[in-house]
Amino acid sequence: MIEERNPTRTKLDFLYQEVLGEVAGLTTRIEQVTAAQATTTTQLLEASAQATAMVNACTNLPIALDKQLQATMEHTGRLLNTEAAKATATTVAEIQKPLRSLAESSARYAHIAHLSVRKMALIAVVVGAAAGCVGGLLAGIALGRYWGY
């Protein structure tokens, strides 16, 4: 049997593929930001360890330099966290737009399908009732002839 392609289903499949492609791209961007953040954190920890080692090795360094370095690293860490939070929020917002559109389209298609099913059920009830009436009439005629009326 040859099945005809449903244009509504094809459009829905295309929409799913488009949204999934966008989600995959955005997921890749999130992973890249996370990897960059992890690398930066590792570098900051290494720099902190080296600075601590240098301070321990050189007892002539003033304590103020250590405090300034620590404050600078904390400030840089806060800036990196803020940038990562902004990038994550932007990515989430970009993901939500196509998903919201997809949900609305799916709801519309489901509503149309529900209405179609109701119409088909009503038609089936009417056709069944008519067939029952005609069958009863024919059975009555046949029994009437059998009994001789």
N, C-alpha and C. Protein backbone atom coordinates (compact mmCIF):
# COMPACT_ATOMS: atom_id res chain seq x y z
N MET A 1 0.84 -1.18 0.00
CA MET A 1 0.00 0.00 0.00
C MET A 1 0.88 1.23 0.00
N ILE A 2 0.52 2.18 -0.80
CA ILE A 2 1.28 3.44 -0.85
C ILE A 2 0.58 4.44 0.07
N GLU A 3 1.35 4.94 1.02
CA GLU A 3 0.77 5.93 1.95
C GLU A 3 1.14 7.32 1.46
N GLU A 4 0.18 8.22 1.49
CA GLU A 4 0.45 9.61 1.14
C GLU A 4 1.09 10.29 2.33
N ARG A 5 2.01 11.18 2.08
CA ARG A 5 2.68 11.90 3.16
C ARG A 5 1.75 12.99 3.66
N ASN A 6 1.67 13.09 4.93
CA ASN A 6 0.83 14.10 5.57
C ASN A 6 1.62 15.40 5.64
N PRO A 7 1.18 16.50 4.93
CA PRO A 7 1.96 17.74 4.95
C PRO A 7 2.04 18.34 6.36
N THR A 8 1.04 18.15 7.17
CA THR A 8 1.08 18.68 8.54
C THR A 8 2.16 17.97 9.32
N ARG A 9 2.25 16.66 9.20
CA ARG A 9 3.26 15.88 9.92
C ARG A 9 4.65 16.24 9.41
N THR A 10 4.81 16.47 8.11
CA THR A 10 6.10 16.84 7.55
C THR A 10 6.55 18.17 8.11
N LYS A 11 5.63 19.11 8.19
CA LYS A 11 5.98 20.42 8.76
C LYS A 11 6.37 20.28 10.22
N LEU A 12 5.66 19.46 10.94
CA LEU A 12 5.97 19.24 12.36
C LEU A 12 7.33 18.57 12.50
N ASP A 13 7.62 17.59 11.63
CA ASP A 13 8.94 16.94 11.66
C ASP A 13 10.04 17.96 11.37
N PHE A 14 9.82 18.82 10.39
CA PHE A 14 10.80 19.85 10.06
C PHE A 14 11.01 20.77 11.25
N LEU A 15 9.94 21.16 11.91
CA LEU A 15 10.03 22.03 13.08
C LEU A 15 10.81 21.36 14.20
N TYR A 16 10.54 20.05 14.42
CA TYR A 16 11.29 19.31 15.45
C TYR A 16 12.78 19.29 15.10
N GLN A 17 13.11 19.03 13.84
CA GLN A 17 14.51 18.96 13.44
C GLN A 17 15.20 20.31 13.62
N GLU A 18 14.50 21.38 13.27
CA GLU A 18 15.07 22.71 13.42
C GLU A 18 15.33 23.03 14.88
N VAL A 19 14.38 22.74 15.74
CA VAL A 19 14.54 23.03 17.16
C VAL A 19 15.66 22.18 17.75
N LEU A 20 15.71 20.89 17.38
CA LEU A 20 16.77 20.02 17.89
C LEU A 20 18.15 20.50 17.44
N GLY A 21 18.25 21.00 16.21
CA GLY A 21 19.52 21.55 15.74
C GLY A 21 19.94 22.77 16.55
N GLU A 22 18.99 23.65 16.83
CA GLU A 22 19.30 24.82 17.65
C GLU A 22 19.68 24.42 19.06
N VAL A 23 18.98 23.46 19.62
CA VAL A 23 19.29 23.00 20.98
C VAL A 23 20.69 22.40 21.01
N ALA A 24 21.05 21.62 19.98
CA ALA A 24 22.39 21.02 19.94
C ALA A 24 23.46 22.11 19.86
N GLY A 25 23.25 23.13 19.06
CA GLY A 25 24.20 24.23 18.97
C GLY A 25 24.35 24.96 20.28
N LEU A 26 23.24 25.22 20.93
CA LEU A 26 23.29 25.92 22.21
C LEU A 26 23.94 25.06 23.29
N THR A 27 23.69 23.77 23.25
CA THR A 27 24.33 22.87 24.21
C THR A 27 25.84 22.88 24.00
N THR A 28 26.28 22.90 22.76
CA THR A 28 27.71 22.96 22.47
C THR A 28 28.31 24.24 23.02
N ARG A 29 27.61 25.35 22.86
CA ARG A 29 28.10 26.63 23.39
C ARG A 29 28.20 26.58 24.90
N ILE A 30 27.22 25.98 25.57
CA ILE A 30 27.27 25.88 27.03
C ILE A 30 28.46 25.04 27.45
N GLU A 31 28.71 23.94 26.74
CA GLU A 31 29.84 23.08 27.07
C GLU A 31 31.16 23.81 26.87
N GLN A 32 31.25 24.65 25.82
CA GLN A 32 32.47 25.41 25.58
C GLN A 32 32.70 26.42 26.69
N VAL A 33 31.64 27.11 27.12
CA VAL A 33 31.77 28.08 28.21
C VAL A 33 32.18 27.38 29.49
N THR A 34 31.60 26.22 29.76
CA THR A 34 31.95 25.47 30.97
C THR A 34 33.41 25.02 30.92
N ALA A 35 33.86 24.56 29.76
CA ALA A 35 35.26 24.13 29.62
C ALA A 35 36.20 25.30 29.81
N ALA A 36 35.85 26.46 29.23
CA ALA A 36 36.69 27.65 29.39
C ALA A 36 36.74 28.09 30.85
N GLN A 37 35.62 28.00 31.50
CA GLN A 37 35.57 28.38 32.91
C GLN A 37 36.42 27.43 33.76
N ALA A 38 36.37 26.15 33.45
CA ALA A 38 37.17 25.17 34.19
C ALA A 38 38.66 25.42 33.96
N THR A 39 39.04 25.71 32.72
CA THR A 39 40.44 26.01 32.41
C THR A 39 40.91 27.25 33.14
N THR A 40 40.10 28.28 33.14
CA THR A 40 40.46 29.52 33.82
C THR A 40 40.58 29.30 35.32
N THR A 41 39.69 28.51 35.88
CA THR A 41 39.75 28.22 37.31
C THR A 41 41.04 27.48 37.64
N THR A 42 41.39 26.52 36.80
CA THR A 42 42.64 25.77 37.00
C THR A 42 43.84 26.70 36.92
N GLN A 43 43.83 27.60 35.95
CA GLN A 43 44.93 28.55 35.81
C GLN A 43 45.02 29.47 37.02
N LEU A 44 43.87 29.91 37.51
CA LEU A 44 43.87 30.77 38.70
C LEU A 44 44.41 30.03 39.92
N LEU A 45 44.01 28.77 40.07
CA LEU A 45 44.52 27.98 41.19
C LEU A 45 46.03 27.77 41.08
N GLU A 46 46.52 27.51 39.86
CA GLU A 46 47.95 27.36 39.66
C GLU A 46 48.68 28.66 39.96
N ALA A 47 48.14 29.78 39.49
CA ALA A 47 48.75 31.08 39.76
C ALA A 47 48.77 31.36 41.26
N SER A 48 47.70 31.00 41.93
CA SER A 48 47.64 31.19 43.38
C SER A 48 48.68 30.33 44.08
N ALA A 49 48.82 29.08 43.63
CA ALA A 49 49.82 28.19 44.23
C ALA A 49 51.22 28.72 43.99
N GLN A 50 51.46 29.20 42.77
CA GLN A 50 52.79 29.76 42.47
C GLN A 50 53.04 31.01 43.30
N ALA A 51 52.03 31.86 43.45
CA ALA A 51 52.20 33.07 44.25
C ALA A 51 52.46 32.72 45.70
N THR A 52 51.74 31.73 46.20
CA THR A 52 51.95 31.29 47.58
C THR A 52 53.37 30.74 47.75
N ALA A 53 53.81 29.96 46.75
CA ALA A 53 55.16 29.40 46.81
C ALA A 53 56.21 30.51 46.78
N MET A 54 55.96 31.51 45.95
CA MET A 54 56.90 32.63 45.86
C MET A 54 56.93 33.41 47.17
N VAL A 55 55.80 33.61 47.77
CA VAL A 55 55.74 34.36 49.03
C VAL A 55 56.46 33.58 50.12
N ASN A 56 56.24 32.27 50.12
CA ASN A 56 56.92 31.43 51.11
C ASN A 56 58.43 31.42 50.88
N ALA A 57 58.84 31.40 49.58
CA ALA A 57 60.26 31.37 49.26
C ALA A 57 60.95 32.70 49.55
N CYS A 58 60.26 33.75 49.30
CA CYS A 58 60.84 35.09 49.50
C CYS A 58 60.17 35.73 50.71
N THR A 59 60.78 35.63 51.82
CA THR A 59 60.18 36.18 53.04
C THR A 59 60.28 37.69 53.09
N ASN A 60 61.00 38.28 52.13
CA ASN A 60 61.15 39.73 52.11
C ASN A 60 59.98 40.42 51.43
N LEU A 61 59.10 39.64 50.75
CA LEU A 61 57.95 40.26 50.07
C LEU A 61 56.99 40.82 51.11
N PRO A 62 56.47 41.98 50.87
CA PRO A 62 55.55 42.56 51.84
C PRO A 62 54.22 41.80 51.87
N ILE A 63 53.59 41.79 53.01
CA ILE A 63 52.30 41.13 53.18
C ILE A 63 51.22 41.81 52.34
N ALA A 64 51.37 43.09 52.10
CA ALA A 64 50.39 43.83 51.30
C ALA A 64 50.31 43.28 49.88
N LEU A 65 51.46 42.84 49.33
CA LEU A 65 51.46 42.28 47.98
C LEU A 65 50.64 40.99 47.93
N ASP A 66 50.77 40.17 48.95
CA ASP A 66 49.99 38.93 49.03
C ASP A 66 48.49 39.24 49.10
N LYS A 67 48.13 40.21 49.92
CA LYS A 67 46.72 40.58 50.03
C LYS A 67 46.20 41.15 48.71
N GLN A 68 47.03 41.96 48.05
CA GLN A 68 46.60 42.55 46.77
C GLN A 68 46.41 41.46 45.72
N LEU A 69 47.31 40.49 45.68
CA LEU A 69 47.19 39.39 44.72
C LEU A 69 45.94 38.57 44.99
N GLN A 70 45.69 38.31 46.25
CA GLN A 70 44.50 37.53 46.62
C GLN A 70 43.23 38.29 46.25
N ALA A 71 43.20 39.61 46.51
CA ALA A 71 42.03 40.42 46.16
C ALA A 71 41.82 40.45 44.65
N THR A 72 42.91 40.53 43.90
CA THR A 72 42.81 40.56 42.44
C THR A 72 42.26 39.24 41.92
N MET A 73 42.73 38.12 42.46
CA MET A 73 42.23 36.83 42.03
C MET A 73 40.76 36.65 42.39
N GLU A 74 40.34 37.12 43.55
CA GLU A 74 38.93 37.02 43.92
C GLU A 74 38.07 37.86 42.99
N HIS A 75 38.56 39.06 42.66
CA HIS A 75 37.82 39.94 41.76
C HIS A 75 37.70 39.30 40.37
N THR A 76 38.81 38.72 39.89
CA THR A 76 38.79 38.06 38.58
C THR A 76 37.83 36.87 38.60
N GLY A 77 37.84 36.12 39.68
CA GLY A 77 36.91 34.99 39.80
C GLY A 77 35.46 35.43 39.77
N ARG A 78 35.16 36.53 40.46
CA ARG A 78 33.78 37.06 40.43
C ARG A 78 33.38 37.49 39.03
N LEU A 79 34.31 38.16 38.33
CA LEU A 79 34.02 38.59 36.95
C LEU A 79 33.75 37.38 36.05
N LEU A 80 34.57 36.35 36.20
CA LEU A 80 34.36 35.15 35.39
C LEU A 80 33.03 34.49 35.71
N ASN A 81 32.68 34.42 36.97
CA ASN A 81 31.39 33.84 37.34
C ASN A 81 30.23 34.65 36.78
N THR A 82 30.37 35.99 36.82
CA THR A 82 29.31 36.85 36.27
C THR A 82 29.15 36.64 34.77
N GLU A 83 30.28 36.56 34.05
CA GLU A 83 30.22 36.34 32.60
C GLU A 83 29.62 34.98 32.28
N ALA A 84 30.00 33.97 33.05
CA ALA A 84 29.44 32.63 32.82
C ALA A 84 27.94 32.62 33.09
N ALA A 85 27.51 33.32 34.13
CA ALA A 85 26.08 33.37 34.44
C ALA A 85 25.31 34.08 33.32
N LYS A 86 25.89 35.17 32.79
CA LYS A 86 25.24 35.88 31.68
C LYS A 86 25.15 35.00 30.44
N ALA A 87 26.24 34.29 30.13
CA ALA A 87 26.24 33.42 28.95
C ALA A 87 25.22 32.29 29.11
N THR A 88 25.13 31.75 30.31
CA THR A 88 24.17 30.68 30.56
C THR A 88 22.74 31.20 30.44
N ALA A 89 22.48 32.39 31.00
CA ALA A 89 21.13 32.97 30.93
C ALA A 89 20.75 33.25 29.48
N THR A 90 21.69 33.76 28.69
CA THR A 90 21.41 34.04 27.28
C THR A 90 21.11 32.76 26.52
N THR A 91 21.88 31.72 26.79
CA THR A 91 21.68 30.44 26.12
C THR A 91 20.33 29.84 26.49
N VAL A 92 19.98 29.91 27.76
CA VAL A 92 18.68 29.37 28.20
C VAL A 92 17.54 30.14 27.54
N ALA A 93 17.68 31.47 27.45
CA ALA A 93 16.64 32.27 26.80
C ALA A 93 16.51 31.89 25.33
N GLU A 94 17.64 31.63 24.65
CA GLU A 94 17.59 31.24 23.24
C GLU A 94 16.96 29.87 23.06
N ILE A 95 17.15 28.99 24.02
CA ILE A 95 16.56 27.65 23.95
C ILE A 95 15.05 27.73 24.17
N GLN A 96 14.61 28.60 25.07
CA GLN A 96 13.21 28.66 25.43
C GLN A 96 12.32 29.18 24.30
N LYS A 97 12.83 30.09 23.47
CA LYS A 97 12.02 30.65 22.39
C LYS A 97 11.54 29.57 21.41
N PRO A 98 12.44 28.77 20.81
CA PRO A 98 11.94 27.76 19.87
C PRO A 98 11.11 26.68 20.55
N LEU A 99 11.46 26.35 21.79
CA LEU A 99 10.68 25.32 22.49
C LEU A 99 9.27 25.81 22.78
N ARG A 100 9.12 27.07 23.14
CA ARG A 100 7.80 27.63 23.39
C ARG A 100 6.98 27.63 22.10
N SER A 101 7.61 28.00 20.99
CA SER A 101 6.93 27.99 19.70
C SER A 101 6.51 26.57 19.32
N LEU A 102 7.40 25.61 19.56
CA LEU A 102 7.09 24.21 19.27
C LEU A 102 5.92 23.72 20.13
N ALA A 103 5.90 24.10 21.39
CA ALA A 103 4.80 23.70 22.27
C ALA A 103 3.47 24.29 21.80
N GLU A 104 3.49 25.55 21.38
CA GLU A 104 2.26 26.17 20.90
C GLU A 104 1.76 25.48 19.63
N SER A 105 2.68 25.18 18.71
CA SER A 105 2.29 24.49 17.47
C SER A 105 1.73 23.11 17.78
N SER A 106 2.38 22.40 18.68
CA SER A 106 1.90 21.07 19.05
C SER A 106 0.51 21.13 19.67
N ALA A 107 0.27 22.14 20.49
CA ALA A 107 -1.05 22.29 21.11
C ALA A 107 -2.12 22.56 20.04
N ARG A 108 -1.77 23.38 19.05
CA ARG A 108 -2.73 23.65 17.97
C ARG A 108 -3.03 22.38 17.18
N TYR A 109 -1.99 21.61 16.84
CA TYR A 109 -2.19 20.37 16.09
C TYR A 109 -3.02 19.38 16.90
N ALA A 110 -2.79 19.29 18.19
CA ALA A 110 -3.55 18.39 19.04
C ALA A 110 -5.02 18.81 19.09
N HIS A 111 -5.28 20.12 19.14
CA HIS A 111 -6.65 20.61 19.17
C HIS A 111 -7.37 20.25 17.86
N ILE A 112 -6.67 20.44 16.74
CA ILE A 112 -7.26 20.11 15.44
C ILE A 112 -7.56 18.62 15.37
N ALA A 113 -6.64 17.79 15.82
CA ALA A 113 -6.85 16.33 15.81
C ALA A 113 -8.02 15.96 16.70
N HIS A 114 -8.16 16.60 17.85
CA HIS A 114 -9.26 16.32 18.77
C HIS A 114 -10.60 16.65 18.11
N LEU A 115 -10.67 17.79 17.46
CA LEU A 115 -11.91 18.16 16.77
C LEU A 115 -12.24 17.17 15.65
N SER A 116 -11.22 16.75 14.91
CA SER A 116 -11.44 15.79 13.83
C SER A 116 -11.97 14.46 14.37
N VAL A 117 -11.41 14.00 15.46
CA VAL A 117 -11.86 12.74 16.06
C VAL A 117 -13.31 12.85 16.52
N ARG A 118 -13.67 13.96 17.09
CA ARG A 118 -15.06 14.15 17.54
C ARG A 118 -16.02 14.11 16.35
N LYS A 119 -15.64 14.78 15.25
CA LYS A 119 -16.50 14.77 14.06
C LYS A 119 -16.64 13.37 13.50
N MET A 120 -15.51 12.65 13.44
CA MET A 120 -15.55 11.29 12.91
C MET A 120 -16.39 10.38 13.80
N ALA A 121 -16.34 10.56 15.10
CA ALA A 121 -17.14 9.74 16.02
C ALA A 121 -18.63 10.03 15.81
N LEU A 122 -18.98 11.30 15.64
CA LEU A 122 -20.37 11.67 15.41
C LEU A 122 -20.87 11.07 14.10
N ILE A 123 -20.06 11.13 13.05
CA ILE A 123 -20.44 10.55 11.77
C ILE A 123 -20.63 9.04 11.91
N ALA A 124 -19.73 8.39 12.67
CA ALA A 124 -19.84 6.93 12.87
C ALA A 124 -21.13 6.58 13.61
N VAL A 125 -21.51 7.39 14.60
CA VAL A 125 -22.74 7.13 15.34
C VAL A 125 -23.95 7.29 14.42
N VAL A 126 -23.97 8.34 13.61
CA VAL A 126 -25.10 8.58 12.70
C VAL A 126 -25.20 7.46 11.66
N VAL A 127 -24.06 7.09 11.07
CA VAL A 127 -24.08 6.02 10.07
C VAL A 127 -24.49 4.70 10.72
N GLY A 128 -24.00 4.42 11.91
CA GLY A 128 -24.37 3.19 12.62
C GLY A 128 -25.86 3.15 12.94
N ALA A 129 -26.40 4.28 13.37
CA ALA A 129 -27.83 4.33 13.68
C ALA A 129 -28.66 4.11 12.43
N ALA A 130 -28.26 4.74 11.33
CA ALA A 130 -28.99 4.57 10.08
C ALA A 130 -28.91 3.12 9.61
N ALA A 131 -27.72 2.53 9.72
CA ALA A 131 -27.57 1.13 9.31
C ALA A 131 -28.41 0.22 10.19
N GLY A 132 -28.50 0.51 11.48
CA GLY A 132 -29.32 -0.28 12.38
C GLY A 132 -30.79 -0.18 12.04
N CYS A 133 -31.23 1.03 11.71
CA CYS A 133 -32.65 1.22 11.33
C CYS A 133 -32.97 0.46 10.04
N VAL A 134 -32.09 0.59 9.06
CA VAL A 134 -32.32 -0.10 7.78
C VAL A 134 -32.27 -1.61 7.99
N GLY A 135 -31.33 -2.09 8.78
CA GLY A 135 -31.24 -3.53 9.06
C GLY A 135 -32.47 -4.03 9.79
N GLY A 136 -32.96 -3.26 10.76
CA GLY A 136 -34.17 -3.66 11.47
C GLY A 136 -35.37 -3.69 10.56
N LEU A 137 -35.47 -2.70 9.68
CA LEU A 137 -36.57 -2.65 8.72
C LEU A 137 -36.53 -3.86 7.78
N LEU A 138 -35.35 -4.16 7.26
CA LEU A 138 -35.22 -5.30 6.36
C LEU A 138 -35.51 -6.61 7.09
N ALA A 139 -35.06 -6.72 8.34
CA ALA A 139 -35.34 -7.93 9.12
C ALA A 139 -36.85 -8.05 9.36
N GLY A 140 -37.51 -6.93 9.63
CA GLY A 140 -38.96 -6.96 9.84
C GLY A 140 -39.70 -7.39 8.58
N ILE A 141 -39.26 -6.88 7.43
CA ILE A 141 -39.90 -7.26 6.17
C ILE A 141 -39.69 -8.75 5.91
N ALA A 142 -38.48 -9.22 6.14
CA ALA A 142 -38.19 -10.64 5.90
C ALA A 142 -38.99 -11.53 6.83
N LEU A 143 -39.11 -11.17 8.10
CA LEU A 143 -39.89 -11.96 9.04
C LEU A 143 -41.38 -11.89 8.70
N GLY A 144 -41.83 -10.74 8.23
CA GLY A 144 -43.24 -10.60 7.84
C GLY A 144 -43.58 -11.51 6.68
N ARG A 145 -42.69 -11.63 5.72
CA ARG A 145 -42.94 -12.51 4.58
C ARG A 145 -42.85 -13.97 5.02
N TYR A 146 -41.97 -14.25 5.94
CA TYR A 146 -41.81 -15.62 6.43
C TYR A 146 -43.06 -16.08 7.16
N TRP A 147 -43.66 -15.19 7.96
CA TRP A 147 -44.84 -15.55 8.73
C TRP A 147 -46.12 -15.37 7.91
N GLY A 148 -45.97 -14.78 6.75
CA GLY A 148 -47.12 -14.69 5.86
C GLY A 148 -47.92 -13.39 6.00
N TYR A 149 -47.39 -12.36 6.48
CA TYR A 149 -48.15 -11.11 6.57
C TYR A 149 -48.03 -10.29 5.37
